[in-house]
Amino acid sequence: MRKIVVVDGYTVNPGDLSWEGLRGLGEVTVYDRSLPHEVAQRIQGAEIVVANKVPLTQEVLAQAQDLRYVTVMATGYDCVDETKARQQGIAVSNVPAYGTDTVAQFTMALLLELCHQVGRHNASVQEGQWSETPDFCYTLTPQVELSGKRLGLIGCGRIGARVGALAQAFGMEVVALSGHRAPQGMPTLSLEELLGTSHVISLHCPLTEETQGLMNATTLGWMRPDAFLLNASRGALVVEEDLCRALRQGELAGAALDVACVEPLPADSPLLGIPNLILTPHMAWASKEARQRILNVTAENIQSYLQGDIAHRVI
């Protein structure tokens, strides 16, 4: 039987799903996590490796003489050294489009939390503040209505387009950055105009040389002071120090990030402790339904490799 090794399975399947779809395809070993120095030894003799975020570096691949196929349990496949994989003839697949609805839904959750701070108000009630107030209601933060406001999308692929549709259901006007694919009929604007006229900016673009640090001191300065920034895409799209400065100085009303430049978030990160900044631990993708789709497509990818017709091939 073909030897299949999963090097970091925990985040996709922490125990609430099944690996049986893979086990029928070969001799499967699943590691919840693998430290960088453990990877080369663990994949020795494996023909097929399944990875999520563990780096398959040039050095690791050089030692994997039996490796012929990698399937990444994500859409991004930058964990694989592309040059070395091509040199060794290692095919690589990914899992596209598994989290469109999940990530779009979570993005709207971030936006609604910025608008209403539901968690903060619940904590206040649980701590007894409502019981002690003389009034039937109170608010700790300004409450924001979305209807009639403008959402600016930077990146308008599957997820960005879905976020736009959800925003329109809330009565928002939706515009996209010019030069990016946008649904038919959606207005497109230059970056400066998009940032300067939108009440909400939502990032849904890949991390490339052109987009790294896209939101920096200059571009954040183009945004409205009452605007919100959302990022459930890639942390390095935002220069974190510049965002912190803008939030602390009142140049932005708030931001919500599900991603960071370094993950897990360092204990001394400048992002921590800012009242108008919401942080979540890179979880927008992680609904059970989306994770099941990842496992399903991963099994289908391996099956296609075994049949000689590699699905979702990226390398």
Foldseek 3Di string as FASTA:
>chain_A
DAEEEEAACCLLCVPPDDLVLQVVLDHYDYDNHDDLVRQLVRCARHQEYEYEQAACDLVSLVSRLNHAEYEYLAPDDVSYPVVSCVVSNHWYFYQPPLFQPLLLVVLVVLVQCLQAVVVVVVVCVVVPVCVPDPDNDDGPDHHDQLAPFEEEEEAADSNNVSNVVVSVVSNYQYAYDPPHDHPPPHHHDHLLVSQQRGQEYEYADADDPVQFQCAALVSLLSHALNHEYEYLHEARSHPQVSVLVCLVVSSHQAYEYAYHNDPPPDPPDSQPPRPRYHYHPSCSRRDSSSSVSSSVVVSVQSVCVVVVHGPRIDD
